[in-house]
N, C-alpha and C. Protein backbone atom coordinates (compact mmCIF):
# COMPACT_ATOMS: atom_id res chain seq x y z
N MET A 1 10.38 25.51 60.05
CA MET A 1 12.30 25.09 60.13
C MET A 1 12.52 24.40 60.89
N ILE A 2 11.65 23.36 61.81
CA ILE A 2 12.14 22.06 62.73
C ILE A 2 12.11 21.23 62.21
N GLN A 3 11.29 21.36 60.57
CA GLN A 3 11.18 20.27 59.87
C GLN A 3 13.17 20.25 59.42
N ALA A 4 13.30 21.17 58.71
CA ALA A 4 14.92 21.22 58.41
C ALA A 4 15.76 21.24 59.34
N MET A 5 15.75 20.93 61.01
CA MET A 5 16.82 21.13 61.72
C MET A 5 16.43 19.72 61.44
N ARG A 6 15.22 18.69 61.94
CA ARG A 6 15.22 17.71 62.05
C ARG A 6 16.12 16.60 61.10
N GLU A 7 15.90 17.32 59.75
CA GLU A 7 16.26 16.27 58.68
C GLU A 7 18.00 16.57 58.84
N GLU A 8 18.53 17.71 59.27
CA GLU A 8 19.94 17.73 59.36
C GLU A 8 20.60 17.53 60.37
N ALA A 9 19.63 16.95 60.96
CA ALA A 9 20.56 16.48 62.32
C ALA A 9 20.56 15.02 62.42
N GLN A 10 19.58 14.22 61.72
CA GLN A 10 19.34 13.32 61.09
C GLN A 10 20.72 13.26 60.31
N ARG A 11 21.05 14.04 59.31
CA ARG A 11 21.96 13.67 58.06
C ARG A 11 23.45 13.68 59.01
N TYR A 12 23.69 14.63 59.89
CA TYR A 12 25.00 14.76 60.47
C TYR A 12 24.92 13.58 61.24
N ALA A 13 24.19 13.04 62.17
CA ALA A 13 24.63 11.81 62.67
C ALA A 13 24.58 10.76 62.37
N ALA A 14 24.44 10.42 61.17
CA ALA A 14 24.11 9.44 60.43
C ALA A 14 25.33 9.53 59.83
N ASP A 15 26.16 10.52 59.70
CA ASP A 15 28.05 10.55 58.60
C ASP A 15 29.11 10.32 59.31
N PRO A 16 29.12 9.17 58.44
CA PRO A 16 30.06 7.95 59.95
C PRO A 16 31.83 8.47 59.52
N SER A 17 31.43 10.41 58.52
CA SER A 17 33.25 10.73 58.19
C SER A 17 33.13 11.75 59.76
N LEU A 18 32.28 11.22 60.13
CA LEU A 18 31.93 12.57 61.09
C LEU A 18 32.52 12.35 62.40
N GLN A 19 33.35 12.68 63.45
CA GLN A 19 33.54 12.35 65.26
C GLN A 19 33.17 12.84 65.86
N LEU A 20 32.72 14.06 65.67
CA LEU A 20 31.58 14.44 66.63
C LEU A 20 30.86 15.37 66.06
N VAL A 21 29.47 15.47 66.64
CA VAL A 21 28.73 15.83 66.27
C VAL A 21 27.72 16.57 67.56
N PHE A 22 27.76 17.79 67.67
CA PHE A 22 27.44 18.85 68.26
C PHE A 22 25.68 19.41 67.78
N LEU A 23 24.70 18.59 68.44
CA LEU A 23 23.09 19.21 67.65
C LEU A 23 22.15 19.79 68.96
N HIS A 24 22.42 21.08 69.29
CA HIS A 24 20.91 21.46 69.81
C HIS A 24 20.20 22.14 69.04
N LEU A 25 19.17 21.61 69.66
CA LEU A 25 17.46 21.19 69.40
C LEU A 25 16.57 21.97 69.92
N PRO A 26 15.68 23.08 69.49
CA PRO A 26 14.89 23.74 70.07
C PRO A 26 13.96 23.68 70.66
N THR A 27 13.75 22.20 71.29
CA THR A 27 12.59 22.22 71.39
C THR A 27 13.58 20.85 72.93
N PRO A 28 13.19 21.40 73.89
CA PRO A 28 11.67 21.20 74.77
C PRO A 28 12.40 22.81 75.07
N HIS A 29 12.43 23.78 74.23
CA HIS A 29 12.69 24.94 74.64
C HIS A 29 11.44 25.81 74.65
N PRO A 30 10.67 26.80 75.19
CA PRO A 30 9.51 27.73 74.67
C PRO A 30 9.69 28.46 73.53
N PRO A 31 8.92 28.79 72.32
CA PRO A 31 7.14 28.32 72.29
C PRO A 31 7.32 26.99 72.07
N HIS A 32 6.18 26.05 73.05
CA HIS A 32 6.06 25.30 72.71
C HIS A 32 4.94 25.09 71.41
N PHE A 33 4.92 24.84 70.25
CA PHE A 33 4.47 24.19 69.18
C PHE A 33 4.22 22.96 68.74
N TYR A 34 3.90 22.03 69.74
CA TYR A 34 3.24 20.95 69.10
C TYR A 34 3.09 20.03 70.19
N ASP A 35 1.52 19.51 69.35
CA ASP A 35 0.85 18.79 70.22
C ASP A 35 0.63 17.55 70.26
N ARG A 36 1.21 16.45 71.37
CA ARG A 36 1.32 15.52 71.74
C ARG A 36 0.40 14.42 70.88
N HIS A 37 -0.56 15.18 71.54
CA HIS A 37 -1.68 14.45 71.08
C HIS A 37 -2.31 14.34 69.93
N SER A 38 -2.35 15.03 68.94
CA SER A 38 -2.74 15.15 67.10
C SER A 38 -1.27 14.74 66.85
N ARG A 39 -0.11 15.26 67.10
CA ARG A 39 0.79 15.03 66.79
C ARG A 39 1.23 15.95 65.75
N THR A 40 0.37 17.27 66.03
CA THR A 40 0.51 18.33 64.64
C THR A 40 1.19 19.47 65.48
N PHE A 41 1.27 20.40 64.53
CA PHE A 41 2.86 21.86 65.17
C PHE A 41 1.45 22.50 64.90
N THR A 42 1.29 23.06 66.41
CA THR A 42 0.14 24.29 66.42
C THR A 42 0.33 25.81 66.34
N GLY A 43 0.91 26.15 65.73
CA GLY A 43 1.94 27.03 65.62
C GLY A 43 2.69 28.08 66.73
N ARG A 44 2.65 29.00 66.53
CA ARG A 44 3.86 29.99 67.47
C ARG A 44 2.31 31.26 68.31
N SER A 45 1.23 31.38 68.21
CA SER A 45 0.69 32.06 69.03
C SER A 45 0.24 31.68 70.46
N PRO A 46 0.66 32.68 71.32
CA PRO A 46 0.10 32.10 72.71
C PRO A 46 -0.83 31.25 73.01
N GLY A 47 -1.88 31.70 72.43
CA GLY A 47 -3.17 30.76 72.39
C GLY A 47 -3.51 29.74 71.37
N ALA A 48 -1.99 29.30 71.10
CA ALA A 48 -2.35 27.91 70.17
C ALA A 48 -1.22 26.88 70.27
N ALA A 49 -0.66 28.03 71.53
CA ALA A 49 0.85 27.07 72.12
C ALA A 49 0.13 25.56 72.93
N GLY A 50 1.52 24.97 72.57
CA GLY A 50 1.46 23.89 73.48
C GLY A 50 1.86 23.85 74.53
N SER A 51 2.60 22.66 75.48
CA SER A 51 2.93 22.57 76.56
C SER A 51 4.41 22.23 76.65
N TYR A 52 4.72 22.14 78.06
CA TYR A 52 6.56 21.50 77.92
C TYR A 52 6.01 20.23 77.77
N PRO A 53 5.21 19.68 78.50
CA PRO A 53 5.09 17.67 78.53
C PRO A 53 5.26 17.74 76.57
N ASP A 54 4.21 18.49 75.92
CA ASP A 54 3.65 18.39 74.38
C ASP A 54 5.77 18.26 73.86
N SER A 55 6.44 19.11 74.13
CA SER A 55 7.56 19.76 74.03
C SER A 55 8.38 18.63 73.60
N LEU A 56 8.56 17.68 75.43
CA LEU A 56 9.15 16.99 75.24
C LEU A 56 9.18 15.61 74.48
N ALA A 57 7.73 15.43 74.53
CA ALA A 57 7.16 14.48 73.70
C ALA A 57 7.81 14.35 72.25
N LEU A 58 8.16 16.07 71.52
CA LEU A 58 8.93 16.62 70.26
C LEU A 58 10.08 15.61 70.19
N ALA A 59 10.50 16.26 71.45
CA ALA A 59 12.24 16.27 71.88
C ALA A 59 12.63 14.46 71.42
N ASP A 60 11.64 13.70 71.92
CA ASP A 60 11.49 12.23 72.33
C ASP A 60 11.41 11.75 70.48
N LEU A 61 10.66 12.65 69.69
CA LEU A 61 10.49 12.14 68.42
C LEU A 61 11.54 11.98 67.50
N ILE A 62 12.09 13.06 67.69
CA ILE A 62 13.37 13.56 66.98
C ILE A 62 14.37 12.86 67.27
N LEU A 63 14.78 12.75 68.61
CA LEU A 63 15.71 11.50 69.31
C LEU A 63 15.90 10.27 68.45
N GLY A 64 14.66 10.06 68.37
CA GLY A 64 14.06 8.92 68.19
C GLY A 64 14.50 8.89 66.72
N GLU A 65 14.12 9.34 65.83
CA GLU A 65 14.70 9.92 64.60
C GLU A 65 16.10 9.54 63.92
N ILE A 66 16.60 10.36 65.00
CA ILE A 66 18.12 10.29 64.85
C ILE A 66 18.92 9.03 65.18
N ARG A 67 18.03 8.14 66.20
CA ARG A 67 18.65 6.83 66.44
C ARG A 67 18.19 6.05 65.18
N GLU A 68 17.56 6.50 64.34
CA GLU A 68 16.58 5.72 63.19
C GLU A 68 18.08 6.09 62.64
N ALA A 69 18.13 6.88 62.23
CA ALA A 69 19.32 7.27 61.25
C ALA A 69 20.61 6.65 60.90
N MET A 70 20.91 6.86 62.74
CA MET A 70 22.29 6.23 62.92
C MET A 70 21.69 4.38 62.77
N THR A 71 21.01 4.34 62.60
CA THR A 71 21.17 2.49 62.61
C THR A 71 21.11 2.74 61.27
N ARG A 72 20.45 3.20 60.99
CA ARG A 72 20.16 2.60 58.61
C ARG A 72 21.58 3.07 58.75
N ALA A 73 22.67 3.59 59.05
CA ALA A 73 24.40 4.38 58.32
C ALA A 73 24.73 3.24 59.11
N GLY A 74 24.41 2.37 60.15
CA GLY A 74 24.93 0.83 60.77
C GLY A 74 25.94 1.97 62.08
N LEU A 75 25.25 3.12 62.30
CA LEU A 75 26.39 3.56 63.65
C LEU A 75 26.03 3.37 65.17
N TRP A 76 24.68 2.68 65.16
CA TRP A 76 23.88 2.56 66.14
C TRP A 76 25.00 1.51 67.21
N THR A 77 24.72 0.62 66.29
CA THR A 77 25.52 -0.98 67.20
C THR A 77 26.79 -1.06 66.63
N ARG A 78 27.60 -0.64 66.22
CA ARG A 78 28.86 -0.73 65.79
C ARG A 78 29.48 -0.64 66.80
N PRO A 79 30.55 -1.84 66.87
CA PRO A 79 31.54 -1.74 68.10
C PRO A 79 32.79 -0.90 67.87
N PRO A 80 33.04 -0.18 69.40
CA PRO A 80 32.49 -0.36 70.71
C PRO A 80 31.80 0.77 70.99
N CYS A 81 30.45 -0.05 71.76
CA CYS A 81 29.48 1.26 71.99
C CYS A 81 29.45 1.90 72.45
N TRP A 82 30.69 2.92 72.80
CA TRP A 82 30.65 3.84 72.34
C TRP A 82 31.37 5.02 71.25
N SER A 83 31.23 4.34 70.34
CA SER A 83 31.60 4.53 69.09
C SER A 83 30.74 5.77 68.96
N ALA A 84 29.36 5.59 68.94
CA ALA A 84 28.46 6.50 68.65
C ALA A 84 27.51 7.15 69.95
N PRO A 85 28.26 7.57 71.01
CA PRO A 85 27.43 8.22 71.85
C PRO A 85 26.35 9.65 71.70
N ILE A 86 25.08 9.06 72.21
CA ILE A 86 24.35 10.12 72.42
C ILE A 86 24.51 10.91 73.35
N ILE A 87 24.55 12.22 73.96
CA ILE A 87 24.52 12.62 75.46
C ILE A 87 22.75 13.81 74.93
N PRO A 88 21.97 13.17 75.62
CA PRO A 88 21.05 14.25 75.77
C PRO A 88 21.12 15.32 77.09
N THR A 89 20.80 16.36 76.79
CA THR A 89 21.15 17.08 77.89
C THR A 89 19.77 17.99 78.75
N ALA A 90 19.16 18.52 79.68
CA ALA A 90 17.97 18.79 79.92
C ALA A 90 17.54 20.26 80.10
N PRO A 91 16.47 21.33 79.58
CA PRO A 91 16.42 22.33 80.30
C PRO A 91 16.06 22.34 81.51
N ARG A 92 16.07 23.36 82.63
CA ARG A 92 15.40 23.22 83.90
C ARG A 92 14.56 22.29 84.40
N LYS A 93 14.28 21.72 85.28
CA LYS A 93 12.90 20.97 85.59
C LYS A 93 12.43 21.64 85.35
N ILE A 94 11.13 21.24 85.55
CA ILE A 94 9.67 22.17 86.05
C ILE A 94 9.67 22.63 87.28
N SER A 95 8.80 23.93 87.09
CA SER A 95 9.07 24.94 88.69
C SER A 95 8.39 23.97 89.80
N THR A 96 7.48 23.73 89.60
CA THR A 96 6.23 23.33 90.42
C THR A 96 6.40 21.73 90.90
N ALA A 97 5.18 21.18 91.94
CA ALA A 97 5.43 19.93 91.94
C ALA A 97 4.60 19.56 91.46
N SER A 98 3.52 20.35 91.34
CA SER A 98 1.78 20.12 90.64
C SER A 98 2.34 19.89 89.29
N GLN A 99 3.11 21.02 88.89
CA GLN A 99 3.83 20.80 87.03
C GLN A 99 3.92 18.89 86.89
N THR A 100 4.56 19.08 87.71
CA THR A 100 5.72 18.17 87.96
C THR A 100 4.71 16.35 87.90
N LEU A 101 4.15 16.73 89.35
CA LEU A 101 2.78 15.68 88.68
C LEU A 101 1.71 15.57 87.68
N ALA A 102 1.66 16.85 86.92
CA ALA A 102 0.60 16.71 86.20
C ALA A 102 1.32 16.11 84.44
N PHE A 103 2.96 16.41 84.42
CA PHE A 103 3.35 15.97 83.96
C PHE A 103 3.76 14.40 83.56
N LEU A 104 3.96 14.07 84.74
CA LEU A 104 3.97 12.70 84.96
C LEU A 104 3.31 11.35 84.67
N SER A 105 1.78 12.63 84.77
CA SER A 105 0.77 11.75 84.37
C SER A 105 -0.04 11.34 83.81
N SER A 106 0.43 12.52 82.82
CA SER A 106 0.05 12.69 81.17
C SER A 106 0.65 11.78 79.98
């Protein structure tokens, strides 16, 4: 399912006939099903789930794919620079300072 969403996101973002594309991707929302170290999907069972930093890494990967698709379509660098803005938003911040420090150090 996530792979199909990634492909659709790239297709829509790289379509020069569209003037506005709103994408809402399932990451970094739970369940966290990606492992950033092995770059694999871990499944959905709680024992096999990844972590919030893993999901952020997946979000970063997906945004990179979208940018690459837009670059190939000539939309990333086309003047004016605001012709293809990407405005990422984030979920609520990690709730504790120790979790934040653990994320920043990983």
